[in-house]
Amino acid sequence: MTQRQRTSSGGPFEERFAYCRAVRVGNQIHVSGTAAVEPDGSVTPGGMGAQTARCLTIIGDALSDLGGSLADVVRLRIYVTDISQYEATGEHLRAAFADSPPASTMVEVSGLIDPEMMVEIEAEAIIDAVD
């Protein structure tokens, strides 16, 4: 059986719903849907752009915990509650992935688990070295 490494961001829903932030299997890292949650459990204020930036920070930290980085991301799934604000999300995605753009999908959803959440991002990464 392939060994799995896991990391948690300490988000309020991880323990409650029995999942972890990310799992590494071989040279692949799968990052759970990540919303903009602050360390105190509150939703990041400041709109979709600020929430996207926070999501990317949490994802980057999870990847780092498991030996990867945002540069290793090959696939993103982005869920937004208001597609008309896509530029606010796109600005942060361009900044994070300009040198290594992943395959990506953005879709509008009717809502996320907390009504204040405006964006949630899933990521998949493939890292060069297999530990």
N, C-alpha and C. Protein backbone atom coordinates (compact mmCIF):
# COMPACT_ATOMS: atom_id res chain seq x y z
N MET A 1 0.84 -1.19 0.00
CA MET A 1 0.00 0.00 0.00
C MET A 1 0.88 1.25 0.00
N THR A 2 0.53 2.21 -0.82
CA THR A 2 1.26 3.45 -0.91
C THR A 2 1.05 4.26 0.37
N GLN A 3 2.15 4.76 0.91
CA GLN A 3 2.07 5.56 2.12
C GLN A 3 1.42 6.90 1.82
N ARG A 4 0.63 7.37 2.73
CA ARG A 4 -0.04 8.67 2.59
C ARG A 4 0.41 9.59 3.70
N GLN A 5 0.66 10.83 3.32
CA GLN A 5 0.96 11.88 4.29
C GLN A 5 -0.21 12.84 4.27
N ARG A 6 -0.56 13.35 5.44
CA ARG A 6 -1.68 14.28 5.54
C ARG A 6 -1.25 15.53 6.30
N THR A 7 -1.94 16.62 5.99
CA THR A 7 -1.74 17.84 6.75
C THR A 7 -3.09 18.49 7.00
N SER A 8 -3.16 19.24 8.07
CA SER A 8 -4.38 19.94 8.45
C SER A 8 -4.06 21.42 8.56
N SER A 9 -5.05 22.25 8.25
CA SER A 9 -4.87 23.69 8.44
C SER A 9 -5.52 24.14 9.74
N GLY A 10 -6.20 23.21 10.42
CA GLY A 10 -6.86 23.56 11.67
C GLY A 10 -8.20 24.26 11.45
N GLY A 11 -8.70 24.25 10.22
CA GLY A 11 -9.98 24.88 9.93
C GLY A 11 -11.11 24.24 10.72
N PRO A 12 -12.17 24.99 10.98
CA PRO A 12 -13.24 24.51 11.84
C PRO A 12 -14.01 23.31 11.30
N PHE A 13 -13.98 23.08 10.00
CA PHE A 13 -14.77 21.99 9.43
C PHE A 13 -13.98 20.71 9.28
N GLU A 14 -12.65 20.76 9.38
CA GLU A 14 -11.83 19.57 9.16
C GLU A 14 -12.16 18.45 10.14
N GLU A 15 -12.12 18.73 11.42
CA GLU A 15 -12.44 17.71 12.40
C GLU A 15 -13.93 17.37 12.38
N ARG A 16 -14.74 18.38 12.25
CA ARG A 16 -16.19 18.20 12.29
C ARG A 16 -16.68 17.26 11.19
N PHE A 17 -16.07 17.34 9.99
CA PHE A 17 -16.52 16.53 8.87
C PHE A 17 -15.48 15.49 8.44
N ALA A 18 -14.50 15.22 9.28
CA ALA A 18 -13.52 14.13 9.09
C ALA A 18 -12.78 14.19 7.76
N TYR A 19 -12.12 15.31 7.53
CA TYR A 19 -11.24 15.40 6.36
C TYR A 19 -9.99 16.18 6.74
N CYS A 20 -8.98 16.12 5.90
CA CYS A 20 -7.78 16.91 6.14
C CYS A 20 -7.61 17.90 5.00
N ARG A 21 -6.76 18.87 5.21
CA ARG A 21 -6.55 19.91 4.19
C ARG A 21 -5.96 19.31 2.93
N ALA A 22 -4.97 18.43 3.09
CA ALA A 22 -4.32 17.86 1.90
C ALA A 22 -3.77 16.49 2.21
N VAL A 23 -3.67 15.68 1.16
CA VAL A 23 -3.11 14.34 1.24
C VAL A 23 -2.07 14.19 0.14
N ARG A 24 -0.91 13.67 0.52
CA ARG A 24 0.12 13.36 -0.47
C ARG A 24 0.21 11.85 -0.61
N VAL A 25 0.15 11.39 -1.86
CA VAL A 25 0.33 9.98 -2.20
C VAL A 25 1.39 9.96 -3.29
N GLY A 26 2.57 9.40 -2.98
CA GLY A 26 3.67 9.42 -3.94
C GLY A 26 4.05 10.86 -4.26
N ASN A 27 4.05 11.20 -5.54
CA ASN A 27 4.43 12.56 -5.91
C ASN A 27 3.20 13.45 -6.20
N GLN A 28 2.02 13.00 -5.79
CA GLN A 28 0.80 13.78 -5.99
C GLN A 28 0.29 14.32 -4.65
N ILE A 29 -0.16 15.57 -4.70
CA ILE A 29 -0.78 16.18 -3.52
C ILE A 29 -2.17 16.66 -3.93
N HIS A 30 -3.17 16.25 -3.17
CA HIS A 30 -4.56 16.64 -3.41
C HIS A 30 -4.99 17.54 -2.26
N VAL A 31 -5.38 18.77 -2.60
CA VAL A 31 -5.79 19.75 -1.58
C VAL A 31 -7.31 19.87 -1.61
N SER A 32 -7.91 19.68 -0.45
CA SER A 32 -9.37 19.78 -0.31
C SER A 32 -9.86 21.17 -0.70
N GLY A 33 -11.17 21.25 -0.92
CA GLY A 33 -11.78 22.55 -1.14
C GLY A 33 -11.39 23.48 -0.01
N THR A 34 -10.82 24.62 -0.37
CA THR A 34 -10.25 25.54 0.61
C THR A 34 -10.96 26.88 0.52
N ALA A 35 -11.60 27.27 1.61
CA ALA A 35 -12.25 28.58 1.68
C ALA A 35 -11.39 29.50 2.54
N ALA A 36 -11.74 30.76 2.50
CA ALA A 36 -10.95 31.80 3.18
C ALA A 36 -11.32 31.89 4.66
N VAL A 37 -10.72 31.01 5.44
CA VAL A 37 -10.98 30.99 6.88
C VAL A 37 -9.74 31.48 7.61
N GLU A 38 -9.94 32.40 8.51
CA GLU A 38 -8.84 32.95 9.31
C GLU A 38 -8.51 31.99 10.46
N PRO A 39 -7.35 32.16 11.09
CA PRO A 39 -6.98 31.27 12.20
C PRO A 39 -8.01 31.21 13.33
N ASP A 40 -8.76 32.29 13.52
CA ASP A 40 -9.77 32.29 14.59
C ASP A 40 -11.09 31.66 14.14
N GLY A 41 -11.15 31.17 12.90
CA GLY A 41 -12.35 30.52 12.38
C GLY A 41 -13.30 31.44 11.64
N SER A 42 -13.02 32.73 11.64
CA SER A 42 -13.89 33.67 10.92
C SER A 42 -13.55 33.66 9.42
N VAL A 43 -14.49 34.11 8.61
CA VAL A 43 -14.28 34.21 7.17
C VAL A 43 -13.51 35.50 6.88
N THR A 44 -12.54 35.41 5.99
CA THR A 44 -11.73 36.57 5.61
C THR A 44 -12.62 37.68 5.07
N PRO A 45 -12.49 38.89 5.64
CA PRO A 45 -13.28 40.02 5.12
C PRO A 45 -12.61 40.62 3.88
N GLY A 46 -13.32 41.50 3.18
CA GLY A 46 -12.70 42.25 2.10
C GLY A 46 -13.08 41.84 0.71
N GLY A 47 -14.05 40.95 0.57
CA GLY A 47 -14.53 40.60 -0.75
C GLY A 47 -13.83 39.42 -1.38
N MET A 48 -14.23 39.14 -2.63
CA MET A 48 -13.76 37.94 -3.32
C MET A 48 -12.24 37.95 -3.54
N GLY A 49 -11.67 39.08 -3.85
CA GLY A 49 -10.22 39.14 -4.05
C GLY A 49 -9.46 38.78 -2.79
N ALA A 50 -9.84 39.36 -1.69
CA ALA A 50 -9.18 39.06 -0.41
C ALA A 50 -9.38 37.59 -0.04
N GLN A 51 -10.56 37.06 -0.30
CA GLN A 51 -10.81 35.66 0.01
C GLN A 51 -9.99 34.74 -0.89
N THR A 52 -9.85 35.09 -2.15
CA THR A 52 -9.01 34.28 -3.06
C THR A 52 -7.57 34.26 -2.58
N ALA A 53 -7.06 35.41 -2.20
CA ALA A 53 -5.68 35.49 -1.69
C ALA A 53 -5.51 34.60 -0.47
N ARG A 54 -6.47 34.63 0.44
CA ARG A 54 -6.39 33.79 1.65
C ARG A 54 -6.45 32.31 1.29
N CYS A 55 -7.32 31.94 0.37
CA CYS A 55 -7.39 30.54 -0.08
C CYS A 55 -6.03 30.09 -0.60
N LEU A 56 -5.40 30.90 -1.42
CA LEU A 56 -4.10 30.54 -2.00
C LEU A 56 -3.02 30.43 -0.94
N THR A 57 -3.09 31.27 0.09
CA THR A 57 -2.13 31.16 1.19
C THR A 57 -2.30 29.83 1.92
N ILE A 58 -3.53 29.47 2.22
CA ILE A 58 -3.81 28.21 2.92
C ILE A 58 -3.36 27.02 2.06
N ILE A 59 -3.66 27.06 0.77
CA ILE A 59 -3.25 26.00 -0.15
C ILE A 59 -1.73 25.93 -0.22
N GLY A 60 -1.08 27.07 -0.35
CA GLY A 60 0.39 27.09 -0.39
C GLY A 60 1.01 26.51 0.86
N ASP A 61 0.45 26.82 2.01
CA ASP A 61 0.96 26.27 3.28
C ASP A 61 0.79 24.76 3.33
N ALA A 62 -0.36 24.27 2.88
CA ALA A 62 -0.61 22.82 2.88
C ALA A 62 0.37 22.11 1.94
N LEU A 63 0.57 22.68 0.76
CA LEU A 63 1.52 22.09 -0.18
C LEU A 63 2.92 22.06 0.41
N SER A 64 3.32 23.14 1.04
CA SER A 64 4.64 23.22 1.66
C SER A 64 4.80 22.18 2.76
N ASP A 65 3.76 21.99 3.56
CA ASP A 65 3.80 20.98 4.62
C ASP A 65 4.10 19.59 4.06
N LEU A 66 3.70 19.36 2.81
CA LEU A 66 3.84 18.04 2.20
C LEU A 66 4.94 17.99 1.14
N GLY A 67 5.80 19.00 1.12
CA GLY A 67 6.95 19.00 0.23
C GLY A 67 6.72 19.60 -1.14
N GLY A 68 5.65 20.35 -1.32
CA GLY A 68 5.36 20.96 -2.60
C GLY A 68 5.24 22.47 -2.49
N SER A 69 4.77 23.07 -3.59
CA SER A 69 4.56 24.52 -3.62
C SER A 69 3.50 24.83 -4.66
N LEU A 70 3.09 26.08 -4.72
CA LEU A 70 2.11 26.49 -5.72
C LEU A 70 2.63 26.24 -7.14
N ALA A 71 3.95 26.28 -7.33
CA ALA A 71 4.53 26.03 -8.65
C ALA A 71 4.28 24.59 -9.12
N ASP A 72 3.96 23.70 -8.20
CA ASP A 72 3.70 22.29 -8.54
C ASP A 72 2.24 22.02 -8.90
N VAL A 73 1.37 23.01 -8.76
CA VAL A 73 -0.05 22.82 -9.01
C VAL A 73 -0.29 22.60 -10.50
N VAL A 74 -1.04 21.54 -10.81
CA VAL A 74 -1.37 21.22 -12.20
C VAL A 74 -2.87 21.36 -12.49
N ARG A 75 -3.69 21.47 -11.44
CA ARG A 75 -5.14 21.53 -11.64
C ARG A 75 -5.78 22.32 -10.52
N LEU A 76 -6.66 23.26 -10.89
CA LEU A 76 -7.47 24.03 -9.93
C LEU A 76 -8.93 23.88 -10.28
N ARG A 77 -9.75 23.83 -9.25
CA ARG A 77 -11.20 23.94 -9.39
C ARG A 77 -11.62 25.07 -8.47
N ILE A 78 -12.25 26.07 -9.05
CA ILE A 78 -12.58 27.28 -8.31
C ILE A 78 -14.10 27.44 -8.33
N TYR A 79 -14.66 27.53 -7.14
CA TYR A 79 -16.10 27.68 -6.99
C TYR A 79 -16.35 29.08 -6.43
N VAL A 80 -17.17 29.87 -7.13
CA VAL A 80 -17.47 31.23 -6.70
C VAL A 80 -18.98 31.41 -6.59
N THR A 81 -19.38 32.29 -5.70
CA THR A 81 -20.81 32.52 -5.52
C THR A 81 -21.34 33.65 -6.41
N ASP A 82 -20.43 34.39 -7.05
CA ASP A 82 -20.84 35.47 -7.96
C ASP A 82 -19.83 35.55 -9.09
N ILE A 83 -20.13 34.89 -10.20
CA ILE A 83 -19.21 34.81 -11.33
C ILE A 83 -18.92 36.19 -11.93
N SER A 84 -19.78 37.16 -11.70
CA SER A 84 -19.54 38.50 -12.24
C SER A 84 -18.30 39.14 -11.60
N GLN A 85 -17.84 38.60 -10.48
CA GLN A 85 -16.65 39.12 -9.82
C GLN A 85 -15.39 38.31 -10.16
N TYR A 86 -15.41 37.60 -11.28
CA TYR A 86 -14.30 36.71 -11.63
C TYR A 86 -12.97 37.42 -11.71
N GLU A 87 -12.96 38.70 -12.09
CA GLU A 87 -11.68 39.43 -12.21
C GLU A 87 -10.98 39.54 -10.86
N ALA A 88 -11.75 39.69 -9.78
CA ALA A 88 -11.14 39.79 -8.45
C ALA A 88 -10.39 38.52 -8.10
N THR A 89 -10.94 37.38 -8.52
CA THR A 89 -10.27 36.10 -8.31
C THR A 89 -9.12 35.94 -9.30
N GLY A 90 -9.38 36.28 -10.57
CA GLY A 90 -8.37 36.13 -11.61
C GLY A 90 -7.10 36.89 -11.34
N GLU A 91 -7.20 38.05 -10.74
CA GLU A 91 -6.03 38.87 -10.41
C GLU A 91 -5.06 38.10 -9.51
N HIS A 92 -5.60 37.42 -8.51
CA HIS A 92 -4.75 36.68 -7.57
C HIS A 92 -4.24 35.38 -8.18
N LEU A 93 -5.06 34.77 -9.03
CA LEU A 93 -4.61 33.56 -9.72
C LEU A 93 -3.44 33.89 -10.66
N ARG A 94 -3.55 35.00 -11.39
CA ARG A 94 -2.45 35.42 -12.28
C ARG A 94 -1.18 35.65 -11.48
N ALA A 95 -1.28 36.30 -10.34
CA ALA A 95 -0.10 36.58 -9.52
C ALA A 95 0.54 35.29 -9.01
N ALA A 96 -0.28 34.32 -8.65
CA ALA A 96 0.23 33.08 -8.07
C ALA A 96 0.75 32.11 -9.11
N PHE A 97 0.16 32.11 -10.32
CA PHE A 97 0.46 31.06 -11.29
C PHE A 97 0.97 31.56 -12.64
N ALA A 98 1.40 32.81 -12.73
CA ALA A 98 1.83 33.37 -14.02
C ALA A 98 2.95 32.55 -14.66
N ASP A 99 3.87 32.03 -13.85
CA ASP A 99 5.01 31.29 -14.39
C ASP A 99 4.71 29.81 -14.64
N SER A 100 3.65 29.30 -14.06
CA SER A 100 3.32 27.88 -14.25
C SER A 100 1.81 27.68 -14.18
N PRO A 101 1.08 28.17 -15.19
CA PRO A 101 -0.38 28.09 -15.13
C PRO A 101 -0.90 26.65 -15.15
N PRO A 102 -1.77 26.32 -14.21
CA PRO A 102 -2.38 24.99 -14.18
C PRO A 102 -3.63 24.93 -15.06
N ALA A 103 -4.09 23.72 -15.33
CA ALA A 103 -5.42 23.55 -15.90
C ALA A 103 -6.40 24.05 -14.84
N SER A 104 -7.45 24.72 -15.26
CA SER A 104 -8.30 25.37 -14.27
C SER A 104 -9.75 25.45 -14.74
N THR A 105 -10.65 25.37 -13.78
CA THR A 105 -12.07 25.54 -14.03
C THR A 105 -12.63 26.47 -12.96
N MET A 106 -13.46 27.43 -13.38
CA MET A 106 -14.17 28.29 -12.43
C MET A 106 -15.66 28.17 -12.72
N VAL A 107 -16.41 27.85 -11.69
CA VAL A 107 -17.85 27.74 -11.85
C VAL A 107 -18.56 28.51 -10.75
N GLU A 108 -19.74 29.00 -11.08
CA GLU A 108 -20.57 29.68 -10.09
C GLU A 108 -21.45 28.63 -9.39
N VAL A 109 -21.51 28.75 -8.07
CA VAL A 109 -22.35 27.87 -7.26
C VAL A 109 -23.35 28.73 -6.50
N SER A 110 -24.43 28.12 -6.06
CA SER A 110 -25.47 28.89 -5.38
C SER A 110 -25.07 29.28 -3.96
N GLY A 111 -24.11 28.58 -3.38
CA GLY A 111 -23.66 28.92 -2.05
C GLY A 111 -22.58 27.98 -1.57
N LEU A 112 -21.88 28.41 -0.55
CA LEU A 112 -20.85 27.59 0.10
C LEU A 112 -21.30 27.33 1.53
N ILE A 113 -20.52 26.59 2.30
CA ILE A 113 -20.96 26.13 3.62
C ILE A 113 -21.26 27.27 4.59
N ASP A 114 -20.63 28.42 4.41
CA ASP A 114 -20.90 29.61 5.22
C ASP A 114 -21.35 30.70 4.25
N PRO A 115 -22.46 31.37 4.50
CA PRO A 115 -22.96 32.38 3.56
C PRO A 115 -21.98 33.54 3.29
N GLU A 116 -21.02 33.76 4.19
CA GLU A 116 -20.03 34.83 3.97
C GLU A 116 -18.92 34.41 3.00
N MET A 117 -18.79 33.12 2.77
CA MET A 117 -17.75 32.62 1.86
C MET A 117 -18.17 32.89 0.42
N MET A 118 -17.24 33.43 -0.35
CA MET A 118 -17.49 33.78 -1.73
C MET A 118 -16.72 32.92 -2.72
N VAL A 119 -15.67 32.24 -2.25
CA VAL A 119 -14.83 31.44 -3.13
C VAL A 119 -14.28 30.24 -2.37
N GLU A 120 -14.16 29.13 -3.07
CA GLU A 120 -13.53 27.92 -2.53
C GLU A 120 -12.70 27.32 -3.66
N ILE A 121 -11.49 26.88 -3.33
CA ILE A 121 -10.57 26.39 -4.35
C ILE A 121 -10.03 25.01 -3.96
N GLU A 122 -10.06 24.09 -4.92
CA GLU A 122 -9.42 22.78 -4.80
C GLU A 122 -8.17 22.81 -5.67
N ALA A 123 -7.13 22.10 -5.24
CA ALA A 123 -5.89 22.07 -6.03
C ALA A 123 -5.32 20.65 -6.06
N GLU A 124 -4.67 20.35 -7.17
CA GLU A 124 -3.92 19.11 -7.31
C GLU A 124 -2.52 19.47 -7.77
N ALA A 125 -1.52 18.86 -7.16
CA ALA A 125 -0.14 19.17 -7.51
C ALA A 125 0.62 17.87 -7.76
N ILE A 126 1.60 17.96 -8.63
CA ILE A 126 2.51 16.87 -8.88
C ILE A 126 3.92 17.42 -8.67
N ILE A 127 4.63 16.79 -7.73
CA ILE A 127 5.98 17.26 -7.44
C ILE A 127 6.99 16.32 -8.09
N ASP A 128 8.16 16.86 -8.42
CA ASP A 128 9.16 16.08 -9.16
C ASP A 128 9.72 14.92 -8.38
N ALA A 129 10.09 15.15 -7.13
CA ALA A 129 10.75 14.12 -6.35
C ALA A 129 9.71 13.25 -5.63
N VAL A 130 9.91 11.95 -5.63
CA VAL A 130 9.07 11.04 -4.90
C VAL A 130 9.85 10.60 -3.67
N ASP A 131 9.27 10.87 -2.49
CA ASP A 131 9.95 10.47 -1.25
C ASP A 131 9.60 9.05 -0.88
